């Protein structure tokens, strides 16, 4: 005969086991029925955090608008940005021309829309080239160390000691930027000058991240298992060291757009027949007092774009850094 107290204990234990089993099953099927929940990655956590930040949403909307203007300018205006009529010189904003006309009778609104393309292309290409050069050298210097690290650091120090504007004047003057009329060649020289003078910052950021990643256990384990240096760098170190460089690239893109405008204003960067915000600002410097609208609108678009990229970079930095959440 079974003891009633023993039977009751057995029944309660069995019921408790069924509850635990049901809870465990519910946990496994919460995300996807029949599959256990997978651990969230840093990228997914960062994306969820970014979607809740008003700063990121505002910056993303502004950048999306500028990119749409650069890719499809005909969606915003049907006016030819190269058509000039001296009879409309310096006329203010009106229903026919929302932003008015410049000194040569160009429609400022049309040129502002079409000018986004050159400014964005220069910024994106300069940022990409800077990240490729600086990121590669920084990753190699951080991983190998020794004489290679010392050599890269000293070369970077030399470039750090060279003022940006002075360096750009030397590069663009030496390679004949002032004597060519080819749009592609002018833009190439401006991109190269920006990248050559800016890569040391990216190199130092990547070097610091690579040194930190090299000391982690997963890199030591991969080296102990016989993994090659290239595999360790590309498969283990690069994915874990690229976050700070992405933040820098986002902020630098806006800064490089401003740098292009600065060089164009000084007569060293883009110029006619290229249409860009920097070229428009340079063309308006002699008539600011009599026609301030020629400077106001391209400068406003330039400022808003640079500010949007800076805001985006700050939001990405806070999302990727767990200490700042």
C-alpha atoms as a PDB file:
ATOM      1  CA  UNK A   1       0.000   0.000   0.000  1.00  0.00           C
ATOM      2  CA  UNK A   2       1.290   3.411  -0.893  1.00  0.00           C
ATOM      3  CA  UNK A   3       1.691   6.036   1.819  1.00  0.00           C
ATOM      4  CA  UNK A   4      -0.720   8.943   1.092  1.00  0.00           C
ATOM      5  CA  UNK A   5       1.914  11.560   2.052  1.00  0.00           C
ATOM      6  CA  UNK A   6       4.458   9.944  -0.262  1.00  0.00           C
ATOM      7  CA  UNK A   7       1.964   9.865  -3.115  1.00  0.00           C
ATOM      8  CA  UNK A   8       1.112  13.533  -2.574  1.00  0.00           C
ATOM      9  CA  UNK A   9       4.806  14.485  -2.634  1.00  0.00           C
ATOM     10  CA  UNK A  10       5.366  12.530  -5.806  1.00  0.00           C
ATOM     11  CA  UNK A  11       2.377  14.200  -7.461  1.00  0.00           C
ATOM     12  CA  UNK A  12       3.576  17.690  -6.507  1.00  0.00           C
ATOM     13  CA  UNK A  13       7.092  16.974  -7.786  1.00  0.00           C
ATOM     14  CA  UNK A  14       5.679  15.657 -11.068  1.00  0.00           C
ATOM     15  CA  UNK A  15       3.446  18.727 -11.454  1.00  0.00           C
ATOM     16  CA  UNK A  16       6.373  21.047 -10.757  1.00  0.00           C
ATOM     17  CA  UNK A  17       8.440  19.213 -13.360  1.00  0.00           C
ATOM     18  CA  UNK A  18       5.672  19.681 -15.937  1.00  0.00           C
ATOM     19  CA  UNK A  19       5.545  23.419 -15.149  1.00  0.00           C
ATOM     20  CA  UNK A  20       9.307  23.757 -15.578  1.00  0.00           C
ATOM     21  CA  UNK A  21       9.148  21.859 -18.853  1.00  0.00           C
ATOM     22  CA  UNK A  22       6.362  24.095 -20.138  1.00  0.00           C
ATOM     23  CA  UNK A  23       8.273  27.232 -19.151  1.00  0.00           C
ATOM     24  CA  UNK A  24      11.414  25.911 -20.851  1.00  0.00           C
ATOM     25  CA  UNK A  25       9.465  25.116 -24.004  1.00  0.00           C
ATOM     26  CA  UNK A  26       7.905  28.559 -23.983  1.00  0.00           C
ATOM     27  CA  UNK A  27      11.324  30.146 -23.674  1.00  0.00           C
ATOM     28  CA  UNK A  28      12.638  28.201 -26.632  1.00  0.00           C
ATOM     29  CA  UNK A  29       9.691  29.070 -28.874  1.00  0.00           C
ATOM     30  CA  UNK A  30       9.326  32.701 -27.849  1.00  0.00           C
ATOM     31  CA  UNK A  31      11.220  34.054 -30.839  1.00  0.00           C
ATOM     32  CA  UNK A  32      10.619  31.285 -33.385  1.00  0.00           C
ATOM     33  CA  UNK A  33       8.502  28.158 -32.678  1.00  0.00           C
ATOM     34  CA  UNK A  34      10.679  25.099 -32.459  1.00  0.00           C
ATOM     35  CA  UNK A  35      13.940  27.046 -32.248  1.00  0.00           C
ATOM     36  CA  UNK A  36      15.774  28.379 -29.204  1.00  0.00           C
ATOM     37  CA  UNK A  37      16.428  32.115 -28.954  1.00  0.00           C
ATOM     38  CA  UNK A  38      19.790  33.115 -30.399  1.00  0.00           C
ATOM     39  CA  UNK A  39      22.068  35.563 -28.571  1.00  0.00           C
ATOM     40  CA  UNK A  40      21.792  39.093 -29.893  1.00  0.00           C
ATOM     41  CA  UNK A  41      24.790  40.605 -31.659  1.00  0.00           C
ATOM     42  CA  UNK A  42      26.300  44.022 -31.060  1.00  0.00           C
ATOM     43  CA  UNK A  43      24.948  45.235 -34.396  1.00  0.00           C
ATOM     44  CA  UNK A  44      21.367  44.224 -33.593  1.00  0.00           C
ATOM     45  CA  UNK A  45      21.556  45.808 -30.144  1.00  0.00           C
ATOM     46  CA  UNK A  46      22.979  48.990 -31.647  1.00  0.00           C
ATOM     47  CA  UNK A  47      20.250  49.106 -34.304  1.00  0.00           C
ATOM     48  CA  UNK A  48      17.497  48.693 -31.712  1.00  0.00           C
ATOM     49  CA  UNK A  49      19.061  51.499 -29.705  1.00  0.00           C
ATOM     50  CA  UNK A  50      19.416  53.768 -32.733  1.00  0.00           C
ATOM     51  CA  UNK A  51      15.783  53.367 -33.765  1.00  0.00           C
ATOM     52  CA  UNK A  52      14.718  54.884 -30.450  1.00  0.00           C
ATOM     53  CA  UNK A  53      16.964  57.943 -30.727  1.00  0.00           C
ATOM     54  CA  UNK A  54      15.321  61.098 -32.160  1.00  0.00           C
ATOM     55  CA  UNK A  55      18.781  62.433 -33.019  1.00  0.00           C
ATOM     56  CA  UNK A  56      19.432  59.458 -35.294  1.00  0.00           C
ATOM     57  CA  UNK A  57      16.013  59.678 -36.948  1.00  0.00           C
ATOM     58  CA  UNK A  58      16.362  63.390 -37.713  1.00  0.00           C
ATOM     59  CA  UNK A  59      19.910  62.999 -39.031  1.00  0.00           C
ATOM     60  CA  UNK A  60      18.927  59.949 -41.080  1.00  0.00           C
ATOM     61  CA  UNK A  61      15.996  61.807 -42.645  1.00  0.00           C
ATOM     62  CA  UNK A  62      18.194  64.781 -43.625  1.00  0.00           C
ATOM     63  CA  UNK A  63      20.894  62.526 -45.068  1.00  0.00           C
ATOM     64  CA  UNK A  64      18.319  60.478 -46.985  1.00  0.00           C
ATOM     65  CA  UNK A  65      16.926  63.691 -48.495  1.00  0.00           C
ATOM     66  CA  UNK A  66      20.390  64.885 -49.557  1.00  0.00           C
ATOM     67  CA  UNK A  67      21.245  61.489 -51.048  1.00  0.00           C
ATOM     68  CA  UNK A  68      17.962  61.517 -52.974  1.00  0.00           C
ATOM     69  CA  UNK A  69      18.815  64.975 -54.287  1.00  0.00           C
ATOM     70  CA  UNK A  70      22.257  63.788 -55.349  1.00  0.00           C
ATOM     71  CA  UNK A  71      20.997  60.618 -57.047  1.00  0.00           C
ATOM     72  CA  UNK A  72      17.814  61.969 -58.673  1.00  0.00           C
ATOM     73  CA  UNK A  73      17.984  65.779 -58.926  1.00  0.00           C
ATOM     74  CA  UNK A  74      15.355  65.837 -61.669  1.00  0.00           C
ATOM     75  CA  UNK A  75      12.750  64.836 -59.069  1.00  0.00           C
ATOM     76  CA  UNK A  76      13.177  68.231 -57.404  1.00  0.00           C
ATOM     77  CA  UNK A  77      13.645  70.566 -60.368  1.00  0.00           C
ATOM     78  CA  UNK A  78      13.314  70.536 -64.146  1.00  0.00           C
ATOM     79  CA  UNK A  79      15.503  73.619 -64.638  1.00  0.00           C
ATOM     80  CA  UNK A  80      18.885  73.244 -66.324  1.00  0.00           C
ATOM     81  CA  UNK A  81      21.558  74.301 -63.784  1.00  0.00           C
ATOM     82  CA  UNK A  82      23.839  75.352 -66.656  1.00  0.00           C
ATOM     83  CA  UNK A  83      21.378  77.771 -68.239  1.00  0.00           C
ATOM     84  CA  UNK A  84      22.245  81.418 -67.519  1.00  0.00           C
ATOM     85  CA  UNK A  85      20.419  84.614 -68.393  1.00  0.00           C
ATOM     86  CA  UNK A  86      22.243  87.847 -67.549  1.00  0.00           C
ATOM     87  CA  UNK A  87      18.934  89.707 -67.663  1.00  0.00           C
ATOM     88  CA  UNK A  88      17.981  87.956 -64.396  1.00  0.00           C
ATOM     89  CA  UNK A  89      21.292  88.607 -62.655  1.00  0.00           C
ATOM     90  CA  UNK A  90      21.055  88.927 -58.854  1.00  0.00           C
ATOM     91  CA  UNK A  91      17.255  88.788 -58.793  1.00  0.00           C
ATOM     92  CA  UNK A  92      15.857  87.705 -55.444  1.00  0.00           C
ATOM     93  CA  UNK A  93      13.646  84.706 -54.646  1.00  0.00           C
ATOM     94  CA  UNK A  94      10.340  84.585 -56.490  1.00  0.00           C
ATOM     95  CA  UNK A  95       7.688  82.136 -57.672  1.00  0.00           C
ATOM     96  CA  UNK A  96       9.731  81.434 -60.807  1.00  0.00           C
ATOM     97  CA  UNK A  97      12.979  80.901 -58.896  1.00  0.00           C
ATOM     98  CA  UNK A  98      12.506  79.963 -55.247  1.00  0.00           C
ATOM     99  CA  UNK A  99      16.095  80.826 -54.303  1.00  0.00           C
ATOM    100  CA  UNK A 100      16.580  83.628 -56.827  1.00  0.00           C
ATOM    101  CA  UNK A 101      19.382  84.021 -59.366  1.00  0.00           C
ATOM    102  CA  UNK A 102      23.130  84.464 -58.947  1.00  0.00           C
ATOM    103  CA  UNK A 103      25.475  87.002 -60.533  1.00  0.00           C
ATOM    104  CA  UNK A 104      25.462  85.280 -63.936  1.00  0.00           C
ATOM    105  CA  UNK A 105      21.738  84.590 -63.994  1.00  0.00           C
ATOM    106  CA  UNK A 106      21.842  80.924 -62.955  1.00  0.00           C
ATOM    107  CA  UNK A 107      18.865  79.519 -61.049  1.00  0.00           C
ATOM    108  CA  UNK A 108      20.223  79.081 -57.501  1.00  0.00           C
ATOM    109  CA  UNK A 109      17.593  76.490 -56.567  1.00  0.00           C
ATOM    110  CA  UNK A 110      18.496  74.249 -59.507  1.00  0.00           C
ATOM    111  CA  UNK A 111      22.207  74.622 -58.856  1.00  0.00           C
ATOM    112  CA  UNK A 112      21.724  73.908 -55.157  1.00  0.00           C
ATOM    113  CA  UNK A 113      19.889  70.677 -55.969  1.00  0.00           C
ATOM    114  CA  UNK A 114      22.431  69.566 -58.566  1.00  0.00           C
ATOM    115  CA  UNK A 115      25.330  70.746 -56.411  1.00  0.00           C
ATOM    116  CA  UNK A 116      24.545  68.089 -53.832  1.00  0.00           C
ATOM    117  CA  UNK A 117      25.893  65.394 -56.169  1.00  0.00           C
ATOM    118  CA  UNK A 118      29.446  66.719 -56.449  1.00  0.00           C
ATOM    119  CA  UNK A 119      29.685  67.485 -52.735  1.00  0.00           C
ATOM    120  CA  UNK A 120      28.404  64.040 -51.717  1.00  0.00           C
ATOM    121  CA  UNK A 121      30.593  62.221 -54.254  1.00  0.00           C
ATOM    122  CA  UNK A 122      33.719  64.001 -53.033  1.00  0.00           C
ATOM    123  CA  UNK A 123      32.818  63.340 -49.387  1.00  0.00           C
ATOM    124  CA  UNK A 124      32.026  59.647 -49.903  1.00  0.00           C
ATOM    125  CA  UNK A 125      35.077  58.943 -52.073  1.00  0.00           C
ATOM    126  CA  UNK A 126      37.435  60.818 -49.745  1.00  0.00           C
ATOM    127  CA  UNK A 127      36.017  59.007 -46.709  1.00  0.00           C
ATOM    128  CA  UNK A 128      36.262  55.601 -48.394  1.00  0.00           C
ATOM    129  CA  UNK A 129      39.850  56.172 -49.475  1.00  0.00           C
ATOM    130  CA  UNK A 130      40.831  57.535 -46.060  1.00  0.00           C
ATOM    131  CA  UNK A 131      39.331  54.535 -44.248  1.00  0.00           C
ATOM    132  CA  UNK A 132      40.957  52.057 -46.624  1.00  0.00           C
ATOM    133  CA  UNK A 133      44.430  53.590 -46.293  1.00  0.00           C
ATOM    134  CA  UNK A 134      44.323  54.459 -42.609  1.00  0.00           C
ATOM    135  CA  UNK A 135      42.394  51.372 -41.549  1.00  0.00           C
ATOM    136  CA  UNK A 136      44.716  48.963 -43.352  1.00  0.00           C
ATOM    137  CA  UNK A 137      47.903  50.579 -42.036  1.00  0.00           C
ATOM    138  CA  UNK A 138      46.504  50.873 -38.525  1.00  0.00           C
ATOM    139  CA  UNK A 139      45.386  47.254 -38.453  1.00  0.00           C
ATOM    140  CA  UNK A 140      48.795  46.013 -39.593  1.00  0.00           C
ATOM    141  CA  UNK A 141      50.656  48.312 -37.205  1.00  0.00           C
ATOM    142  CA  UNK A 142      48.501  47.251 -34.265  1.00  0.00           C
ATOM    143  CA  UNK A 143      48.825  43.539 -34.979  1.00  0.00           C
ATOM    144  CA  UNK A 144      52.529  43.245 -35.829  1.00  0.00           C
ATOM    145  CA  UNK A 145      53.858  46.078 -33.656  1.00  0.00           C
ATOM    146  CA  UNK A 146      57.633  46.460 -33.490  1.00  0.00           C
ATOM    147  CA  UNK A 147      59.425  48.379 -36.231  1.00  0.00           C
ATOM    148  CA  UNK A 148      56.348  48.493 -38.470  1.00  0.00           C
ATOM    149  CA  UNK A 149      54.300  50.152 -35.752  1.00  0.00           C
ATOM    150  CA  UNK A 150      57.098  52.636 -35.065  1.00  0.00           C
ATOM    151  CA  UNK A 151      57.502  53.471 -38.760  1.00  0.00           C
ATOM    152  CA  UNK A 152      53.770  54.021 -39.338  1.00  0.00           C
ATOM    153  CA  UNK A 153      53.502  56.155 -36.207  1.00  0.00           C
ATOM    154  CA  UNK A 154      56.401  58.415 -37.223  1.00  0.00           C
ATOM    155  CA  UNK A 155      55.016  58.849 -40.754  1.00  0.00           C
ATOM    156  CA  UNK A 156      51.635  59.727 -39.262  1.00  0.00           C
ATOM    157  CA  UNK A 157      53.300  62.290 -37.002  1.00  0.00           C
ATOM    158  CA  UNK A 158      54.784  63.997 -40.065  1.00  0.00           C
ATOM    159  CA  UNK A 159      51.350  64.343 -41.662  1.00  0.00           C
ATOM    160  CA  UNK A 160      49.842  65.500 -38.367  1.00  0.00           C
ATOM    161  CA  UNK A 161      52.341  68.356 -38.301  1.00  0.00           C
ATOM    162  CA  UNK A 162      51.263  69.552 -41.756  1.00  0.00           C
ATOM    163  CA  UNK A 163      48.297  72.000 -41.692  1.00  0.00           C
ATOM    164  CA  UNK A 164      45.414  70.800 -43.841  1.00  0.00           C
ATOM    165  CA  UNK A 165      44.995  73.934 -45.940  1.00  0.00           C
ATOM    166  CA  UNK A 166      48.740  74.294 -46.532  1.00  0.00           C
ATOM    167  CA  UNK A 167      49.031  70.641 -47.486  1.00  0.00           C
ATOM    168  CA  UNK A 168      46.089  70.915 -49.869  1.00  0.00           C
ATOM    169  CA  UNK A 169      47.625  73.981 -51.509  1.00  0.00           C
ATOM    170  CA  UNK A 170      50.882  72.103 -52.053  1.00  0.00           C
ATOM    171  CA  UNK A 171      49.239  68.959 -53.438  1.00  0.00           C
ATOM    172  CA  UNK A 172      46.688  70.661 -55.692  1.00  0.00           C
ATOM    173  CA  UNK A 173      49.192  73.205 -56.992  1.00  0.00           C
ATOM    174  CA  UNK A 174      51.880  70.585 -57.627  1.00  0.00           C
ATOM    175  CA  UNK A 175      49.610  68.254 -59.580  1.00  0.00           C
ATOM    176  CA  UNK A 176      48.084  70.963 -61.739  1.00  0.00           C
ATOM    177  CA  UNK A 177      44.563  71.216 -60.361  1.00  0.00           C
ATOM    178  CA  UNK A 178      44.416  74.883 -61.364  1.00  0.00           C
ATOM    179  CA  UNK A 179      45.152  74.182 -65.026  1.00  0.00           C
ATOM    180  CA  UNK A 180      42.756  71.357 -65.892  1.00  0.00           C
ATOM    181  CA  UNK A 181      39.125  71.599 -66.988  1.00  0.00           C
ATOM    182  CA  UNK A 182      38.267  67.886 -66.735  1.00  0.00           C
ATOM    183  CA  UNK A 183      35.534  67.333 -64.150  1.00  0.00           C
ATOM    184  CA  UNK A 184      36.759  63.833 -63.300  1.00  0.00           C
ATOM    185  CA  UNK A 185      40.375  64.970 -62.918  1.00  0.00           C
ATOM    186  CA  UNK A 186      39.436  67.927 -60.728  1.00  0.00           C
ATOM    187  CA  UNK A 187      37.329  65.742 -58.424  1.00  0.00           C
ATOM    188  CA  UNK A 188      40.037  63.048 -58.323  1.00  0.00           C
ATOM    189  CA  UNK A 189      42.712  65.527 -57.242  1.00  0.00           C
ATOM    190  CA  UNK A 190      40.467  66.976 -54.530  1.00  0.00           C
ATOM    191  CA  UNK A 191      39.617  63.498 -53.210  1.00  0.00           C
ATOM    192  CA  UNK A 192      43.270  62.468 -53.200  1.00  0.00           C
ATOM    193  CA  UNK A 193      44.387  65.618 -51.392  1.00  0.00           C
ATOM    194  CA  UNK A 194      41.783  65.132 -48.655  1.00  0.00           C
ATOM    195  CA  UNK A 195      42.589  61.433 -48.228  1.00  0.00           C
ATOM    196  CA  UNK A 196      46.367  61.922 -48.182  1.00  0.00           C
ATOM    197  CA  UNK A 197      46.087  64.542 -45.442  1.00  0.00           C
ATOM    198  CA  UNK A 198      43.440  62.731 -43.349  1.00  0.00           C
ATOM    199  CA  UNK A 199      44.462  59.056 -43.202  1.00  0.00           C
ATOM    200  CA  UNK A 200      46.672  59.389 -40.040  1.00  0.00           C
ATOM    201  CA  UNK A 201      43.588  59.994 -37.852  1.00  0.00           C
ATOM    202  CA  UNK A 202      41.929  56.803 -39.075  1.00  0.00           C
ATOM    203  CA  UNK A 203      45.225  54.926 -38.747  1.00  0.00           C
ATOM    204  CA  UNK A 204      45.584  55.847 -35.075  1.00  0.00           C
ATOM    205  CA  UNK A 205      41.984  54.915 -34.289  1.00  0.00           C
ATOM    206  CA  UNK A 206      42.313  51.515 -35.978  1.00  0.00           C
ATOM    207  CA  UNK A 207      45.743  50.924 -34.427  1.00  0.00           C
ATOM    208  CA  UNK A 208      44.381  51.511 -30.926  1.00  0.00           C
ATOM    209  CA  UNK A 209      41.406  49.201 -31.551  1.00  0.00           C
ATOM    210  CA  UNK A 210      43.680  46.529 -33.073  1.00  0.00           C
ATOM    211  CA  UNK A 211      46.037  46.587 -30.078  1.00  0.00           C
ATOM    212  CA  UNK A 212      43.083  46.077 -27.755  1.00  0.00           C
ATOM    213  CA  UNK A 213      41.644  43.267 -29.887  1.00  0.00           C
ATOM    214  CA  UNK A 214      45.031  41.526 -30.164  1.00  0.00           C
ATOM    215  CA  UNK A 215      45.118  41.037 -26.403  1.00  0.00           C
ATOM    216  CA  UNK A 216      41.733  39.308 -26.228  1.00  0.00           C
ATOM    217  CA  UNK A 217      41.370  35.594 -25.527  1.00  0.00           C
ATOM    218  CA  UNK A 218      39.761  34.739 -28.879  1.00  0.00           C
ATOM    219  CA  UNK A 219      42.835  36.022 -30.748  1.00  0.00           C
ATOM    220  CA  UNK A 220      45.164  34.087 -28.448  1.00  0.00           C
ATOM    221  CA  UNK A 221      43.055  30.960 -28.937  1.00  0.00           C
ATOM    222  CA  UNK A 222      43.109  31.344 -32.727  1.00  0.00           C
ATOM    223  CA  UNK A 223      46.877  31.766 -32.670  1.00  0.00           C
ATOM    224  CA  UNK A 224      47.268  28.711 -30.426  1.00  0.00           C
ATOM    225  CA  UNK A 225      45.175  26.641 -32.868  1.00  0.00           C
ATOM    226  CA  UNK A 226      47.589  27.534 -35.664  1.00  0.00           C
ATOM    227  CA  UNK A 227      45.543  30.158 -37.527  1.00  0.00           C
ATOM    228  CA  UNK A 228      47.521  32.267 -39.973  1.00  0.00           C
ATOM    229  CA  UNK A 229      48.100  35.965 -39.427  1.00  0.00           C
ATOM    230  CA  UNK A 230      45.844  36.910 -42.323  1.00  0.00           C
ATOM    231  CA  UNK A 231      43.007  34.791 -40.944  1.00  0.00           C
ATOM    232  CA  UNK A 232      43.416  36.253 -37.458  1.00  0.00           C
ATOM    233  CA  UNK A 233      43.421  39.801 -38.827  1.00  0.00           C
ATOM    234  CA  UNK A 234      40.480  39.414 -41.206  1.00  0.00           C
ATOM    235  CA  UNK A 235      38.255  36.971 -39.318  1.00  0.00           C
ATOM    236  CA  UNK A 236      38.871  37.852 -35.687  1.00  0.00           C
ATOM    237  CA  UNK A 237      40.436  41.285 -35.243  1.00  0.00           C
ATOM    238  CA  UNK A 238      38.824  43.317 -38.016  1.00  0.00           C
ATOM    239  CA  UNK A 239      35.153  42.655 -37.070  1.00  0.00           C
ATOM    240  CA  UNK A 240      35.904  43.573 -33.452  1.00  0.00           C
ATOM    241  CA  UNK A 241      37.993  46.668 -34.216  1.00  0.00           C
ATOM    242  CA  UNK A 242      35.963  48.256 -36.991  1.00  0.00           C
ATOM    243  CA  UNK A 243      33.301  49.957 -34.823  1.00  0.00           C
ATOM    244  CA  UNK A 244      35.390  53.028 -33.853  1.00  0.00           C
ATOM    245  CA  UNK A 245      36.433  53.467 -37.477  1.00  0.00           C
ATOM    246  CA  UNK A 246      32.802  53.419 -38.623  1.00  0.00           C
ATOM    247  CA  UNK A 247      31.998  56.171 -36.157  1.00  0.00           C
ATOM    248  CA  UNK A 248      34.963  58.208 -37.388  1.00  0.00           C
ATOM    249  CA  UNK A 249      33.974  57.658 -41.026  1.00  0.00           C
ATOM    250  CA  UNK A 250      30.440  58.913 -40.399  1.00  0.00           C
ATOM    251  CA  UNK A 251      31.656  62.122 -38.788  1.00  0.00           C
ATOM    252  CA  UNK A 252      34.529  62.549 -41.261  1.00  0.00           C
ATOM    253  CA  UNK A 253      32.178  62.351 -44.242  1.00  0.00           C
ATOM    254  CA  UNK A 254      30.484  65.543 -43.150  1.00  0.00           C
ATOM    255  CA  UNK A 255      33.829  67.147 -42.371  1.00  0.00           C
ATOM    256  CA  UNK A 256      35.165  66.255 -45.821  1.00  0.00           C
ATOM    257  CA  UNK A 257      32.135  67.843 -47.487  1.00  0.00           C
ATOM    258  CA  UNK A 258      32.993  71.004 -45.566  1.00  0.00           C
ATOM    259  CA  UNK A 259      36.652  70.624 -46.559  1.00  0.00           C
ATOM    260  CA  UNK A 260      35.674  70.464 -50.226  1.00  0.00           C
ATOM    261  CA  UNK A 261      33.713  73.703 -49.822  1.00  0.00           C
ATOM    262  CA  UNK A 262      36.713  75.311 -48.120  1.00  0.00           C
ATOM    263  CA  UNK A 263      39.086  74.337 -50.924  1.00  0.00           C
ATOM    264  CA  UNK A 264      36.598  75.481 -53.552  1.00  0.00           C
ATOM    265  CA  UNK A 265      36.180  78.819 -51.794  1.00  0.00           C
ATOM    266  CA  UNK A 266      39.962  79.286 -51.887  1.00  0.00           C
ATOM    267  CA  UNK A 267      40.010  78.498 -55.599  1.00  0.00           C
ATOM    268  CA  UNK A 268      41.888  75.208 -55.130  1.00  0.00           C
ATOM    269  CA  UNK A 269      39.097  72.648 -55.136  1.00  0.00           C
ATOM    270  CA  UNK A 270      36.143  72.142 -57.441  1.00  0.00           C
ATOM    271  CA  UNK A 271      35.322  74.876 -59.923  1.00  0.00           C
ATOM    272  CA  UNK A 272      33.328  75.439 -63.097  1.00  0.00           C
ATOM    273  CA  UNK A 273      32.075  73.502 -64.956  1.00  0.00           C
ATOM    274  CA  UNK A 274      31.518  71.468 -61.745  1.00  0.00           C
ATOM    275  CA  UNK A 275      28.421  72.494 -59.798  1.00  0.00           C
ATOM    276  CA  UNK A 276      28.819  72.135 -56.037  1.00  0.00           C
ATOM    277  CA  UNK A 277      27.878  74.021 -52.901  1.00  0.00           C
ATOM    278  CA  UNK A 278      31.477  75.106 -52.411  1.00  0.00           C
ATOM    279  CA  UNK A 279      31.666  76.516 -55.942  1.00  0.00           C
ATOM    280  CA  UNK A 280      28.398  78.416 -55.405  1.00  0.00           C
ATOM    281  CA  UNK A 281      29.689  79.903 -52.146  1.00  0.00           C
ATOM    282  CA  UNK A 282      32.927  80.921 -53.867  1.00  0.00           C
ATOM    283  CA  UNK A 283      30.995  82.606 -56.703  1.00  0.00           C
ATOM    284  CA  UNK A 284      28.905  84.620 -54.239  1.00  0.00           C
ATOM    285  CA  UNK A 285      31.720  86.092 -52.155  1.00  0.00           C
ATOM    286  CA  UNK A 286      31.982  89.282 -54.243  1.00  0.00           C
ATOM    287  CA  UNK A 287      28.246  90.100 -54.187  1.00  0.00           C
ATOM    288  CA  UNK A 288      27.253  89.133 -50.653  1.00  0.00           C
ATOM    289  CA  UNK A 289      26.236  92.669 -49.701  1.00  0.00           C
ATOM    290  CA  UNK A 290      24.053  93.344 -52.747  1.00  0.00           C
ATOM    291  CA  UNK A 291      22.694  89.788 -53.164  1.00  0.00           C
ATOM    292  CA  UNK A 292      22.974  87.853 -49.876  1.00  0.00           C
ATOM    293  CA  UNK A 293      20.601  85.137 -51.127  1.00  0.00           C
ATOM    294  CA  UNK A 294      23.370  83.846 -53.422  1.00  0.00           C
ATOM    295  CA  UNK A 295      25.299  82.796 -50.312  1.00  0.00           C
ATOM    296  CA  UNK A 296      22.446  81.977 -47.930  1.00  0.00           C
ATOM    297  CA  UNK A 297      20.897  78.960 -49.636  1.00  0.00           C
ATOM    298  CA  UNK A 298      23.983  76.907 -50.640  1.00  0.00           C
ATOM    299  CA  UNK A 299      25.576  77.673 -47.259  1.00  0.00           C
ATOM    300  CA  UNK A 300      22.392  76.544 -45.477  1.00  0.00           C
ATOM    301  CA  UNK A 301      22.324  73.232 -47.360  1.00  0.00           C
ATOM    302  CA  UNK A 302      26.027  72.706 -46.714  1.00  0.00           C
ATOM    303  CA  UNK A 303      25.662  73.435 -42.989  1.00  0.00           C
ATOM    304  CA  UNK A 304      22.611  71.196 -42.609  1.00  0.00           C
ATOM    305  CA  UNK A 305      24.339  68.300 -44.385  1.00  0.00           C
ATOM    306  CA  UNK A 306      27.539  68.531 -42.334  1.00  0.00           C
ATOM    307  CA  UNK A 307      25.514  68.828 -39.124  1.00  0.00           C
ATOM    308  CA  UNK A 308      23.418  65.784 -40.081  1.00  0.00           C
ATOM    309  CA  UNK A 309      26.502  63.600 -40.531  1.00  0.00           C
ATOM    310  CA  UNK A 310      27.974  64.824 -37.247  1.00  0.00           C
ATOM    311  CA  UNK A 311      24.698  64.065 -35.452  1.00  0.00           C
ATOM    312  CA  UNK A 312      24.589  60.624 -37.081  1.00  0.00           C
ATOM    313  CA  UNK A 313      28.146  59.909 -35.996  1.00  0.00           C
ATOM    314  CA  UNK A 314      27.386  60.895 -32.394  1.00  0.00           C
ATOM    315  CA  UNK A 315      24.318  58.651 -32.340  1.00  0.00           C
ATOM    316  CA  UNK A 316      26.242  55.700 -33.783  1.00  0.00           C
ATOM    317  CA  UNK A 317      29.076  56.222 -31.308  1.00  0.00           C
ATOM    318  CA  UNK A 318      26.695  56.167 -28.354  1.00  0.00           C
ATOM    319  CA  UNK A 319      24.904  53.080 -29.701  1.00  0.00           C
ATOM    320  CA  UNK A 320      28.097  51.092 -30.305  1.00  0.00           C
ATOM    321  CA  UNK A 321      29.670  51.997 -26.970  1.00  0.00           C
ATOM    322  CA  UNK A 322      27.918  50.086 -24.139  1.00  0.00           C
ATOM    323  CA  UNK A 323      29.410  52.466 -21.552  1.00  0.00           C
ATOM    324  CA  UNK A 324      27.505  55.436 -23.009  1.00  0.00           C
ATOM    325  CA  UNK A 325      24.053  53.835 -23.000  1.00  0.00           C
END
